[in-house]
Amino acid sequence: MAAPVTLRGISTLSLWADDVTAAGAWYADLLGVEPYYARPEPPAAPSYLEFRLGDHGTELGIIDRRFALPGLRTGEPGGIVAYWAVDDVQKALDTFLAAGATPLQPITEFGPGFVTAAVVDPFGNVVGLMYNQHYLDQAAGDA
């Protein structure tokens, strides 16, 4: 067997959109932060926007769908679901739905301290939401 691979954490979460400008504006409004990086640079229309989010500054990239991996170009939800840690799944779910996302997974409790839900954003990407006590415990230890 080959030597094990060390996965050090999420580098970038990539979302795809046919209209990167519209997707960037939607996420900026939803999250209350503007992307800090764009390519090409303004005033050209972006084909890539990047946000830094959460406790560890995780990169959220919005990429023109024409650059998506084969099989992800259809606009149908698919792939790995990244669950973003949130303090209140119902509140986060309500916020996404009010902003135009559609429900995919209802609030589901997997035991004490582990609650998930998922939506599809207006651009066809699955966004997971999770209250995860383990995440909170780890984040508190990092502080």
N, C-alpha and C. Protein backbone atom coordinates (compact mmCIF):
# COMPACT_ATOMS: atom_id res chain seq x y z
N MET A 1 0.84 -1.17 0.00
CA MET A 1 0.00 0.00 0.00
C MET A 1 0.89 1.24 0.00
N ALA A 2 0.45 2.26 -0.72
CA ALA A 2 1.19 3.52 -0.77
C ALA A 2 1.13 4.23 0.57
N ALA A 3 2.04 5.15 0.76
CA ALA A 3 2.04 5.95 1.99
C ALA A 3 0.73 6.71 2.09
N PRO A 4 0.21 6.91 3.30
CA PRO A 4 -1.06 7.63 3.44
C PRO A 4 -0.93 9.08 3.00
N VAL A 5 -2.05 9.61 2.56
CA VAL A 5 -2.14 11.02 2.18
C VAL A 5 -2.60 11.81 3.39
N THR A 6 -1.98 12.92 3.66
CA THR A 6 -2.39 13.77 4.77
C THR A 6 -3.32 14.86 4.24
N LEU A 7 -4.59 14.81 4.67
CA LEU A 7 -5.55 15.86 4.32
C LEU A 7 -5.51 16.88 5.45
N ARG A 8 -5.05 18.09 5.14
CA ARG A 8 -4.79 19.09 6.17
C ARG A 8 -5.96 20.02 6.41
N GLY A 9 -6.99 19.92 5.63
CA GLY A 9 -8.16 20.79 5.78
C GLY A 9 -8.65 21.22 4.41
N ILE A 10 -9.79 21.84 4.40
CA ILE A 10 -10.37 22.31 3.13
C ILE A 10 -9.59 23.53 2.66
N SER A 11 -9.11 23.49 1.44
CA SER A 11 -8.40 24.61 0.86
C SER A 11 -9.39 25.59 0.22
N THR A 12 -10.24 25.07 -0.65
CA THR A 12 -11.24 25.90 -1.34
C THR A 12 -12.49 25.08 -1.56
N LEU A 13 -13.65 25.67 -1.27
CA LEU A 13 -14.93 25.08 -1.65
C LEU A 13 -15.36 25.80 -2.92
N SER A 14 -15.58 25.05 -3.98
CA SER A 14 -15.92 25.65 -5.27
C SER A 14 -17.40 25.49 -5.57
N LEU A 15 -18.02 26.61 -5.91
CA LEU A 15 -19.40 26.63 -6.38
C LEU A 15 -19.37 27.11 -7.82
N TRP A 16 -20.33 26.66 -8.61
CA TRP A 16 -20.35 26.96 -10.04
C TRP A 16 -21.57 27.82 -10.36
N ALA A 17 -21.41 28.73 -11.31
CA ALA A 17 -22.52 29.59 -11.72
C ALA A 17 -22.37 29.98 -13.17
N ASP A 18 -23.48 30.09 -13.86
CA ASP A 18 -23.46 30.60 -15.23
C ASP A 18 -23.22 32.11 -15.23
N ASP A 19 -23.69 32.79 -14.20
CA ASP A 19 -23.52 34.23 -14.05
C ASP A 19 -22.79 34.48 -12.73
N VAL A 20 -21.47 34.57 -12.80
CA VAL A 20 -20.63 34.74 -11.61
C VAL A 20 -20.94 36.05 -10.90
N THR A 21 -21.21 37.10 -11.66
CA THR A 21 -21.54 38.39 -11.06
C THR A 21 -22.79 38.27 -10.21
N ALA A 22 -23.85 37.66 -10.75
CA ALA A 22 -25.10 37.50 -10.00
C ALA A 22 -24.89 36.60 -8.78
N ALA A 23 -24.15 35.52 -8.94
CA ALA A 23 -23.90 34.62 -7.82
C ALA A 23 -23.09 35.33 -6.74
N GLY A 24 -22.10 36.10 -7.14
CA GLY A 24 -21.29 36.84 -6.17
C GLY A 24 -22.13 37.84 -5.40
N ALA A 25 -23.03 38.53 -6.09
CA ALA A 25 -23.90 39.50 -5.42
C ALA A 25 -24.86 38.79 -4.47
N TRP A 26 -25.37 37.63 -4.87
CA TRP A 26 -26.30 36.88 -4.03
C TRP A 26 -25.61 36.43 -2.75
N TYR A 27 -24.41 35.86 -2.87
CA TYR A 27 -23.67 35.41 -1.69
C TYR A 27 -23.20 36.59 -0.83
N ALA A 28 -22.78 37.68 -1.44
CA ALA A 28 -22.37 38.85 -0.67
C ALA A 28 -23.53 39.37 0.17
N ASP A 29 -24.71 39.42 -0.41
CA ASP A 29 -25.89 39.88 0.31
C ASP A 29 -26.26 38.89 1.42
N LEU A 30 -26.24 37.61 1.10
CA LEU A 30 -26.60 36.57 2.07
C LEU A 30 -25.63 36.53 3.24
N LEU A 31 -24.33 36.63 2.95
CA LEU A 31 -23.30 36.47 3.97
C LEU A 31 -22.88 37.77 4.65
N GLY A 32 -23.21 38.90 4.04
CA GLY A 32 -22.84 40.18 4.62
C GLY A 32 -21.38 40.53 4.44
N VAL A 33 -20.70 39.89 3.49
CA VAL A 33 -19.30 40.21 3.18
C VAL A 33 -19.13 40.23 1.66
N GLU A 34 -18.21 41.02 1.21
CA GLU A 34 -17.91 41.10 -0.22
C GLU A 34 -16.77 40.15 -0.56
N PRO A 35 -16.72 39.66 -1.80
CA PRO A 35 -15.56 38.86 -2.18
C PRO A 35 -14.31 39.72 -2.11
N TYR A 36 -13.21 39.11 -1.73
CA TYR A 36 -11.97 39.88 -1.59
C TYR A 36 -11.06 39.71 -2.81
N TYR A 37 -11.45 38.85 -3.72
CA TYR A 37 -10.57 38.52 -4.85
C TYR A 37 -11.45 38.25 -6.06
N ALA A 38 -11.04 38.75 -7.21
CA ALA A 38 -11.78 38.53 -8.46
C ALA A 38 -10.80 38.37 -9.61
N ARG A 39 -11.12 37.47 -10.53
CA ARG A 39 -10.35 37.30 -11.76
C ARG A 39 -11.30 37.14 -12.91
N PRO A 40 -11.12 37.82 -14.00
CA PRO A 40 -10.18 38.93 -14.11
C PRO A 40 -10.60 40.07 -13.19
N GLU A 41 -9.69 41.02 -13.02
CA GLU A 41 -9.97 42.14 -12.13
C GLU A 41 -11.01 43.06 -12.75
N PRO A 42 -11.80 43.75 -11.90
CA PRO A 42 -12.76 44.74 -12.41
C PRO A 42 -12.03 45.80 -13.23
N PRO A 43 -12.66 46.34 -14.23
CA PRO A 43 -14.09 46.32 -14.49
C PRO A 43 -14.57 45.13 -15.33
N ALA A 44 -13.68 44.23 -15.71
CA ALA A 44 -14.11 43.06 -16.49
C ALA A 44 -15.06 42.20 -15.66
N ALA A 45 -15.98 41.53 -16.35
CA ALA A 45 -16.89 40.61 -15.66
C ALA A 45 -16.07 39.44 -15.11
N PRO A 46 -16.30 39.05 -13.86
CA PRO A 46 -15.48 37.99 -13.26
C PRO A 46 -15.85 36.60 -13.77
N SER A 47 -14.85 35.75 -13.86
CA SER A 47 -15.09 34.32 -14.08
C SER A 47 -14.78 33.56 -12.79
N TYR A 48 -14.23 34.28 -11.79
CA TYR A 48 -13.94 33.69 -10.49
C TYR A 48 -14.00 34.77 -9.42
N LEU A 49 -14.71 34.47 -8.34
CA LEU A 49 -14.76 35.34 -7.16
C LEU A 49 -14.42 34.50 -5.95
N GLU A 50 -13.82 35.13 -4.96
CA GLU A 50 -13.44 34.38 -3.77
C GLU A 50 -13.79 35.15 -2.51
N PHE A 51 -14.38 34.42 -1.57
CA PHE A 51 -14.71 34.93 -0.25
C PHE A 51 -13.84 34.19 0.76
N ARG A 52 -13.59 34.78 1.93
CA ARG A 52 -12.97 34.09 3.07
C ARG A 52 -14.02 34.07 4.17
N LEU A 53 -14.32 32.86 4.68
CA LEU A 53 -15.43 32.71 5.62
C LEU A 53 -15.08 31.85 6.81
N GLY A 54 -15.76 32.09 7.88
CA GLY A 54 -15.73 31.20 9.03
C GLY A 54 -14.53 31.36 9.94
N ASP A 55 -14.50 30.46 10.91
CA ASP A 55 -13.48 30.49 11.96
C ASP A 55 -12.06 30.34 11.44
N HIS A 56 -11.90 29.67 10.31
CA HIS A 56 -10.57 29.39 9.79
C HIS A 56 -10.31 30.07 8.44
N GLY A 57 -11.17 31.02 8.06
CA GLY A 57 -10.97 31.72 6.80
C GLY A 57 -11.06 30.81 5.58
N THR A 58 -11.99 29.88 5.61
CA THR A 58 -12.15 28.94 4.49
C THR A 58 -12.47 29.70 3.22
N GLU A 59 -11.83 29.31 2.13
CA GLU A 59 -12.05 29.92 0.83
C GLU A 59 -13.32 29.38 0.20
N LEU A 60 -14.22 30.28 -0.19
CA LEU A 60 -15.39 29.92 -0.98
C LEU A 60 -15.21 30.57 -2.34
N GLY A 61 -15.02 29.76 -3.36
CA GLY A 61 -14.81 30.27 -4.71
C GLY A 61 -16.07 30.08 -5.55
N ILE A 62 -16.45 31.12 -6.27
CA ILE A 62 -17.55 31.02 -7.23
C ILE A 62 -16.92 31.10 -8.61
N ILE A 63 -17.13 30.05 -9.39
CA ILE A 63 -16.41 29.87 -10.65
C ILE A 63 -17.40 29.75 -11.80
N ASP A 64 -17.06 30.36 -12.91
CA ASP A 64 -17.87 30.23 -14.12
C ASP A 64 -18.06 28.74 -14.45
N ARG A 65 -19.32 28.33 -14.64
CA ARG A 65 -19.65 26.93 -14.86
C ARG A 65 -18.89 26.32 -16.05
N ARG A 66 -18.47 27.12 -17.00
CA ARG A 66 -17.75 26.55 -18.14
C ARG A 66 -16.42 25.94 -17.73
N PHE A 67 -15.93 26.28 -16.51
CA PHE A 67 -14.69 25.70 -16.00
C PHE A 67 -14.93 24.53 -15.06
N ALA A 68 -16.19 24.15 -14.87
CA ALA A 68 -16.52 23.05 -13.95
C ALA A 68 -15.98 21.73 -14.49
N LEU A 69 -15.76 20.82 -13.56
CA LEU A 69 -15.33 19.48 -13.95
C LEU A 69 -16.38 18.82 -14.83
N PRO A 70 -15.98 17.94 -15.74
CA PRO A 70 -16.97 17.24 -16.55
C PRO A 70 -17.98 16.55 -15.63
N GLY A 71 -19.24 16.61 -16.01
CA GLY A 71 -20.29 16.02 -15.20
C GLY A 71 -20.91 17.01 -14.23
N LEU A 72 -20.22 18.10 -13.95
CA LEU A 72 -20.77 19.13 -13.07
C LEU A 72 -21.25 20.34 -13.86
N ARG A 73 -21.20 20.27 -15.16
CA ARG A 73 -21.56 21.41 -15.99
C ARG A 73 -23.05 21.49 -16.29
N THR A 74 -23.82 20.50 -15.86
CA THR A 74 -25.23 20.44 -16.21
C THR A 74 -26.10 21.38 -15.40
N GLY A 75 -25.63 21.82 -14.26
CA GLY A 75 -26.44 22.65 -13.38
C GLY A 75 -27.27 21.82 -12.41
N GLU A 76 -27.23 20.49 -12.54
CA GLU A 76 -27.93 19.62 -11.60
C GLU A 76 -27.09 19.52 -10.33
N PRO A 77 -27.73 19.56 -9.15
CA PRO A 77 -26.96 19.42 -7.91
C PRO A 77 -26.22 18.10 -7.87
N GLY A 78 -25.01 18.11 -7.33
CA GLY A 78 -24.26 16.87 -7.23
C GLY A 78 -22.91 17.08 -6.59
N GLY A 79 -22.20 15.99 -6.37
CA GLY A 79 -20.87 16.06 -5.82
C GLY A 79 -20.86 15.96 -4.31
N ILE A 80 -19.76 16.33 -3.72
CA ILE A 80 -19.60 16.32 -2.27
C ILE A 80 -20.43 17.44 -1.67
N VAL A 81 -21.06 17.17 -0.55
CA VAL A 81 -21.79 18.22 0.15
C VAL A 81 -20.90 18.72 1.28
N ALA A 82 -20.57 19.99 1.23
CA ALA A 82 -19.82 20.62 2.31
C ALA A 82 -20.84 21.18 3.29
N TYR A 83 -20.75 20.75 4.53
CA TYR A 83 -21.64 21.26 5.57
C TYR A 83 -20.93 22.38 6.31
N TRP A 84 -21.47 23.59 6.22
CA TRP A 84 -20.93 24.74 6.93
C TRP A 84 -21.43 24.70 8.37
N ALA A 85 -20.53 24.89 9.32
CA ALA A 85 -20.91 24.94 10.72
C ALA A 85 -21.70 26.22 10.97
N VAL A 86 -22.86 26.07 11.59
CA VAL A 86 -23.70 27.21 11.97
C VAL A 86 -24.14 27.03 13.42
N ASP A 87 -24.47 28.13 14.07
CA ASP A 87 -24.91 28.06 15.47
C ASP A 87 -26.37 27.64 15.59
N ASP A 88 -27.18 27.92 14.56
CA ASP A 88 -28.61 27.62 14.60
C ASP A 88 -29.04 27.19 13.20
N VAL A 89 -29.25 25.90 13.01
CA VAL A 89 -29.57 25.36 11.68
C VAL A 89 -30.89 25.94 11.17
N GLN A 90 -31.90 26.03 12.01
CA GLN A 90 -33.19 26.55 11.55
C GLN A 90 -33.06 27.99 11.06
N LYS A 91 -32.35 28.81 11.83
CA LYS A 91 -32.17 30.21 11.43
C LYS A 91 -31.39 30.31 10.11
N ALA A 92 -30.32 29.54 9.99
CA ALA A 92 -29.53 29.56 8.76
C ALA A 92 -30.37 29.07 7.58
N LEU A 93 -31.13 27.99 7.79
CA LEU A 93 -31.99 27.45 6.73
C LEU A 93 -33.02 28.50 6.31
N ASP A 94 -33.67 29.12 7.28
CA ASP A 94 -34.66 30.16 6.97
C ASP A 94 -34.05 31.30 6.18
N THR A 95 -32.82 31.70 6.52
CA THR A 95 -32.14 32.80 5.83
C THR A 95 -31.86 32.43 4.38
N PHE A 96 -31.34 31.22 4.16
CA PHE A 96 -31.08 30.77 2.79
C PHE A 96 -32.37 30.69 1.98
N LEU A 97 -33.41 30.12 2.56
CA LEU A 97 -34.68 29.98 1.83
C LEU A 97 -35.29 31.34 1.51
N ALA A 98 -35.22 32.28 2.44
CA ALA A 98 -35.74 33.63 2.20
C ALA A 98 -34.98 34.34 1.10
N ALA A 99 -33.70 33.97 0.92
CA ALA A 99 -32.86 34.59 -0.11
C ALA A 99 -33.05 33.94 -1.48
N GLY A 100 -33.85 32.86 -1.56
CA GLY A 100 -34.13 32.25 -2.85
C GLY A 100 -33.59 30.86 -3.05
N ALA A 101 -32.93 30.28 -2.04
CA ALA A 101 -32.48 28.89 -2.15
C ALA A 101 -33.70 27.97 -2.04
N THR A 102 -33.56 26.74 -2.50
CA THR A 102 -34.64 25.77 -2.40
C THR A 102 -34.22 24.65 -1.46
N PRO A 103 -35.17 24.10 -0.71
CA PRO A 103 -34.81 23.05 0.24
C PRO A 103 -34.38 21.77 -0.47
N LEU A 104 -33.41 21.08 0.09
CA LEU A 104 -32.96 19.80 -0.43
C LEU A 104 -33.06 18.73 0.65
N GLN A 105 -32.55 19.03 1.83
CA GLN A 105 -32.62 18.11 2.97
C GLN A 105 -33.27 18.86 4.13
N PRO A 106 -34.35 18.33 4.69
CA PRO A 106 -34.95 19.00 5.84
C PRO A 106 -34.04 18.90 7.05
N ILE A 107 -34.34 19.67 8.07
CA ILE A 107 -33.56 19.57 9.30
C ILE A 107 -33.63 18.14 9.80
N THR A 108 -32.44 17.57 10.01
CA THR A 108 -32.32 16.17 10.43
C THR A 108 -31.37 16.10 11.61
N GLU A 109 -31.84 15.51 12.71
CA GLU A 109 -30.97 15.34 13.87
C GLU A 109 -30.37 13.94 13.85
N PHE A 110 -29.06 13.89 13.97
CA PHE A 110 -28.33 12.62 13.96
C PHE A 110 -27.86 12.24 15.35
N GLY A 111 -28.45 12.83 16.36
CA GLY A 111 -28.06 12.59 17.74
C GLY A 111 -27.75 13.92 18.39
N PRO A 112 -27.59 13.90 19.71
CA PRO A 112 -27.33 15.16 20.41
C PRO A 112 -26.10 15.88 19.86
N GLY A 113 -26.29 17.13 19.50
CA GLY A 113 -25.18 17.94 19.03
C GLY A 113 -24.85 17.83 17.57
N PHE A 114 -25.68 17.13 16.79
CA PHE A 114 -25.41 16.97 15.35
C PHE A 114 -26.70 17.10 14.57
N VAL A 115 -26.90 18.28 13.97
CA VAL A 115 -28.12 18.58 13.23
C VAL A 115 -27.72 19.13 11.87
N THR A 116 -28.36 18.63 10.80
CA THR A 116 -28.04 19.10 9.45
C THR A 116 -29.29 19.50 8.68
N ALA A 117 -29.06 20.24 7.62
CA ALA A 117 -30.05 20.57 6.60
C ALA A 117 -29.25 20.93 5.36
N ALA A 118 -29.89 20.95 4.20
CA ALA A 118 -29.19 21.35 2.97
C ALA A 118 -30.17 22.06 2.04
N VAL A 119 -29.62 22.97 1.25
CA VAL A 119 -30.39 23.72 0.26
C VAL A 119 -29.65 23.67 -1.07
N VAL A 120 -30.35 24.09 -2.10
CA VAL A 120 -29.73 24.31 -3.41
C VAL A 120 -29.81 25.81 -3.67
N ASP A 121 -28.65 26.43 -3.89
CA ASP A 121 -28.66 27.87 -4.15
C ASP A 121 -29.27 28.15 -5.52
N PRO A 122 -29.57 29.40 -5.86
CA PRO A 122 -30.19 29.71 -7.14
C PRO A 122 -29.33 29.37 -8.36
N PHE A 123 -28.09 28.93 -8.12
CA PHE A 123 -27.16 28.65 -9.20
C PHE A 123 -26.90 27.16 -9.35
N GLY A 124 -27.65 26.32 -8.59
CA GLY A 124 -27.58 24.87 -8.72
C GLY A 124 -26.58 24.18 -7.81
N ASN A 125 -26.05 24.87 -6.82
CA ASN A 125 -25.05 24.29 -5.91
C ASN A 125 -25.71 23.84 -4.61
N VAL A 126 -25.29 22.69 -4.11
CA VAL A 126 -25.77 22.21 -2.82
C VAL A 126 -24.94 22.86 -1.71
N VAL A 127 -25.63 23.40 -0.71
CA VAL A 127 -24.98 24.01 0.45
C VAL A 127 -25.53 23.31 1.69
N GLY A 128 -24.64 22.65 2.45
CA GLY A 128 -25.03 21.99 3.67
C GLY A 128 -24.86 22.91 4.86
N LEU A 129 -25.75 22.76 5.82
CA LEU A 129 -25.72 23.53 7.06
C LEU A 129 -25.69 22.55 8.21
N MET A 130 -24.84 22.78 9.21
CA MET A 130 -24.73 21.80 10.29
C MET A 130 -24.41 22.46 11.62
N TYR A 131 -25.17 22.07 12.63
CA TYR A 131 -24.76 22.34 14.01
C TYR A 131 -24.00 21.11 14.43
N ASN A 132 -22.73 21.30 14.81
CA ASN A 132 -21.85 20.18 15.09
C ASN A 132 -21.09 20.49 16.37
N GLN A 133 -21.48 19.85 17.46
CA GLN A 133 -20.84 20.13 18.74
C GLN A 133 -19.34 19.85 18.70
N HIS A 134 -18.94 18.82 17.99
CA HIS A 134 -17.51 18.51 17.87
C HIS A 134 -16.75 19.68 17.23
N TYR A 135 -17.32 20.26 16.17
CA TYR A 135 -16.69 21.41 15.53
C TYR A 135 -16.53 22.54 16.55
N LEU A 136 -17.59 22.83 17.31
CA LEU A 136 -17.53 23.90 18.30
C LEU A 136 -16.47 23.63 19.36
N ASP A 137 -16.39 22.38 19.80
CA ASP A 137 -15.39 22.02 20.80
C ASP A 137 -13.98 22.21 20.23
N GLN A 138 -13.78 21.80 18.98
CA GLN A 138 -12.46 21.95 18.34
C GLN A 138 -12.13 23.43 18.15
N ALA A 139 -13.10 24.22 17.70
CA ALA A 139 -12.87 25.65 17.49
C ALA A 139 -12.54 26.35 18.80
N ALA A 140 -13.21 25.96 19.88
CA ALA A 140 -12.91 26.55 21.19
C ALA A 140 -11.49 26.21 21.64
N GLY A 141 -11.03 25.02 21.28
CA GLY A 141 -9.67 24.61 21.62
C GLY A 141 -8.62 25.35 20.83
N ASP A 142 -8.98 25.82 19.62
CA ASP A 142 -8.05 26.55 18.76
C ASP A 142 -7.88 27.99 19.20
N ALA A 143 -8.87 28.50 19.97
CA ALA A 143 -8.85 29.92 20.35
C ALA A 143 -7.75 30.24 21.34
